[in-house]
Amino acid sequence: MKLQVKFDFIQNLKKQMEDATEEELREYRENKEEFFEKSVESFKQALKDELNYDDYCWIENLEVKEVEE
């Protein structure tokens, strides 16, 4: 069985920046594109970690792309 899931993930960037550490803010200011790429990869890994279980189910070909800033 193969299921395809599609959804919108909404980030509140203003709130995120209020809660960010100085290190995170520095990384954001220095290279926004790399910061967001790392965020997307981290999000993808978190989804995989959450949705993979046992030896019977796993996630393949997970794609996340930015369509709006």
N, C-alpha and C. Protein backbone atom coordinates (compact mmCIF):
# COMPACT_ATOMS: atom_id res chain seq x y z
N MET A 1 0.85 -1.17 0.00
CA MET A 1 0.00 0.00 0.00
C MET A 1 0.90 1.24 0.00
N LYS A 2 0.49 2.23 -0.76
CA LYS A 2 1.22 3.49 -0.83
C LYS A 2 0.22 4.62 -0.68
N LEU A 3 0.44 5.47 0.29
CA LEU A 3 -0.42 6.62 0.52
C LEU A 3 0.35 7.88 0.19
N GLN A 4 -0.31 8.83 -0.44
CA GLN A 4 0.31 10.13 -0.70
C GLN A 4 -0.39 11.17 0.16
N VAL A 5 0.41 11.91 0.90
CA VAL A 5 -0.13 12.92 1.81
C VAL A 5 0.33 14.29 1.35
N LYS A 6 -0.59 15.21 1.26
CA LYS A 6 -0.27 16.58 0.88
C LYS A 6 -0.89 17.52 1.89
N PHE A 7 -0.11 18.49 2.38
CA PHE A 7 -0.62 19.45 3.34
C PHE A 7 0.23 20.71 3.30
N ASP A 8 -0.29 21.76 3.86
CA ASP A 8 0.45 23.01 4.00
C ASP A 8 0.99 23.10 5.41
N PHE A 9 2.25 23.43 5.54
CA PHE A 9 2.89 23.63 6.83
C PHE A 9 3.18 25.12 6.93
N ILE A 10 2.57 25.79 7.89
CA ILE A 10 2.67 27.24 8.00
C ILE A 10 3.60 27.61 9.16
N GLN A 11 4.61 28.41 8.87
CA GLN A 11 5.53 28.88 9.90
C GLN A 11 5.19 30.32 10.26
N ASN A 12 5.16 30.60 11.54
CA ASN A 12 5.01 31.97 12.01
C ASN A 12 6.44 32.48 12.27
N LEU A 13 7.03 33.07 11.23
CA LEU A 13 8.43 33.48 11.31
C LEU A 13 8.65 34.53 12.39
N LYS A 14 7.70 35.44 12.56
CA LYS A 14 7.84 36.48 13.58
C LYS A 14 7.94 35.84 14.98
N LYS A 15 7.04 34.92 15.27
CA LYS A 15 7.05 34.23 16.57
C LYS A 15 8.31 33.39 16.72
N GLN A 16 8.71 32.73 15.63
CA GLN A 16 9.91 31.91 15.67
C GLN A 16 11.14 32.75 16.01
N MET A 17 11.22 33.94 15.45
CA MET A 17 12.35 34.82 15.72
C MET A 17 12.34 35.33 17.16
N GLU A 18 11.16 35.52 17.72
CA GLU A 18 11.06 35.94 19.12
C GLU A 18 11.63 34.88 20.06
N ASP A 19 11.45 33.61 19.69
CA ASP A 19 11.87 32.50 20.54
C ASP A 19 13.26 31.97 20.18
N ALA A 20 13.88 32.50 19.13
CA ALA A 20 15.16 31.98 18.65
C ALA A 20 16.31 32.33 19.60
N THR A 21 17.30 31.46 19.59
CA THR A 21 18.52 31.74 20.35
C THR A 21 19.38 32.73 19.56
N GLU A 22 20.38 33.30 20.22
CA GLU A 22 21.29 34.23 19.54
C GLU A 22 22.01 33.52 18.40
N GLU A 23 22.37 32.27 18.60
CA GLU A 23 23.05 31.48 17.56
C GLU A 23 22.15 31.31 16.34
N GLU A 24 20.88 30.99 16.55
CA GLU A 24 19.93 30.83 15.45
C GLU A 24 19.73 32.14 14.71
N LEU A 25 19.62 33.24 15.44
CA LEU A 25 19.45 34.55 14.81
C LEU A 25 20.68 34.92 13.98
N ARG A 26 21.86 34.61 14.49
CA ARG A 26 23.10 34.90 13.76
C ARG A 26 23.13 34.09 12.46
N GLU A 27 22.81 32.79 12.55
CA GLU A 27 22.79 31.95 11.35
C GLU A 27 21.78 32.46 10.33
N TYR A 28 20.63 32.90 10.81
CA TYR A 28 19.59 33.44 9.92
C TYR A 28 20.07 34.69 9.21
N ARG A 29 20.67 35.60 9.96
CA ARG A 29 21.13 36.86 9.37
C ARG A 29 22.26 36.65 8.37
N GLU A 30 23.16 35.71 8.67
CA GLU A 30 24.33 35.50 7.82
C GLU A 30 23.98 34.85 6.48
N ASN A 31 23.02 33.93 6.48
CA ASN A 31 22.69 33.23 5.24
C ASN A 31 21.27 32.68 5.33
N LYS A 32 20.30 33.49 4.96
CA LYS A 32 18.89 33.11 5.07
C LYS A 32 18.57 31.88 4.24
N GLU A 33 19.10 31.79 3.03
CA GLU A 33 18.81 30.65 2.16
C GLU A 33 19.28 29.34 2.79
N GLU A 34 20.50 29.31 3.28
CA GLU A 34 21.03 28.11 3.93
C GLU A 34 20.25 27.78 5.20
N PHE A 35 19.87 28.81 5.95
CA PHE A 35 19.10 28.62 7.17
C PHE A 35 17.78 27.92 6.86
N PHE A 36 17.08 28.38 5.79
CA PHE A 36 15.80 27.77 5.44
C PHE A 36 15.98 26.37 4.86
N GLU A 37 17.06 26.15 4.11
CA GLU A 37 17.33 24.81 3.59
C GLU A 37 17.53 23.82 4.74
N LYS A 38 18.29 24.23 5.75
CA LYS A 38 18.50 23.37 6.92
C LYS A 38 17.18 23.13 7.65
N SER A 39 16.35 24.16 7.73
CA SER A 39 15.05 24.03 8.39
C SER A 39 14.16 23.02 7.66
N VAL A 40 14.16 23.08 6.33
CA VAL A 40 13.35 22.14 5.54
C VAL A 40 13.86 20.72 5.73
N GLU A 41 15.17 20.54 5.69
CA GLU A 41 15.74 19.20 5.88
C GLU A 41 15.43 18.67 7.28
N SER A 42 15.51 19.53 8.27
CA SER A 42 15.18 19.13 9.64
C SER A 42 13.71 18.73 9.75
N PHE A 43 12.83 19.49 9.10
CA PHE A 43 11.40 19.19 9.09
C PHE A 43 11.13 17.85 8.41
N LYS A 44 11.78 17.62 7.27
CA LYS A 44 11.61 16.34 6.57
C LYS A 44 12.05 15.18 7.46
N GLN A 45 13.19 15.33 8.13
CA GLN A 45 13.69 14.26 8.99
C GLN A 45 12.74 14.02 10.17
N ALA A 46 12.21 15.09 10.73
CA ALA A 46 11.26 14.95 11.84
C ALA A 46 10.01 14.18 11.39
N LEU A 47 9.52 14.48 10.19
CA LEU A 47 8.36 13.74 9.66
C LEU A 47 8.70 12.26 9.49
N LYS A 48 9.85 11.98 8.92
CA LYS A 48 10.25 10.59 8.73
C LYS A 48 10.37 9.87 10.07
N ASP A 49 11.00 10.52 11.04
CA ASP A 49 11.18 9.92 12.36
C ASP A 49 9.84 9.64 13.03
N GLU A 50 8.89 10.55 12.85
CA GLU A 50 7.59 10.41 13.48
C GLU A 50 6.72 9.36 12.79
N LEU A 51 6.81 9.28 11.47
CA LEU A 51 5.90 8.42 10.72
C LEU A 51 6.44 7.01 10.46
N ASN A 52 7.73 6.82 10.59
CA ASN A 52 8.30 5.48 10.40
C ASN A 52 8.13 4.68 11.69
N TYR A 53 7.66 3.45 11.56
CA TYR A 53 7.56 2.60 12.74
C TYR A 53 7.68 1.15 12.33
N ASP A 54 8.13 0.33 13.28
CA ASP A 54 8.33 -1.10 13.05
C ASP A 54 9.13 -1.33 11.77
N ASP A 55 8.96 -2.51 11.20
CA ASP A 55 9.62 -2.82 9.93
C ASP A 55 8.64 -2.84 8.78
N TYR A 56 7.42 -2.41 9.04
CA TYR A 56 6.36 -2.57 8.04
C TYR A 56 6.03 -1.29 7.28
N CYS A 57 6.38 -0.14 7.81
CA CYS A 57 6.02 1.13 7.17
C CYS A 57 7.23 2.05 7.16
N TRP A 58 7.39 2.77 6.10
CA TRP A 58 8.45 3.75 6.01
C TRP A 58 8.08 4.81 4.99
N ILE A 59 8.82 5.90 5.01
CA ILE A 59 8.56 7.03 4.11
C ILE A 59 9.64 7.05 3.04
N GLU A 60 9.20 7.22 1.80
CA GLU A 60 10.13 7.39 0.68
C GLU A 60 9.71 8.61 -0.12
N ASN A 61 10.66 9.20 -0.80
CA ASN A 61 10.39 10.28 -1.75
C ASN A 61 9.61 11.45 -1.14
N LEU A 62 9.96 11.80 0.07
CA LEU A 62 9.31 12.94 0.72
C LEU A 62 9.90 14.22 0.12
N GLU A 63 9.02 15.08 -0.38
CA GLU A 63 9.47 16.33 -0.97
C GLU A 63 8.81 17.50 -0.26
N VAL A 64 9.63 18.49 0.06
CA VAL A 64 9.13 19.72 0.65
C VAL A 64 9.79 20.85 -0.12
N LYS A 65 8.98 21.79 -0.59
CA LYS A 65 9.57 22.93 -1.27
C LYS A 65 8.87 24.21 -0.84
N GLU A 66 9.61 25.29 -0.86
CA GLU A 66 9.07 26.58 -0.48
C GLU A 66 8.35 27.18 -1.67
N VAL A 67 7.09 27.57 -1.47
CA VAL A 67 6.33 28.18 -2.54
C VAL A 67 6.04 29.66 -2.29
N GLU A 68 6.14 30.07 -1.03
CA GLU A 68 5.99 31.46 -0.65
C GLU A 68 6.89 31.73 0.54
N GLU A 69 7.31 32.94 0.69
CA GLU A 69 8.10 33.30 1.87
C GLU A 69 7.19 33.94 2.87
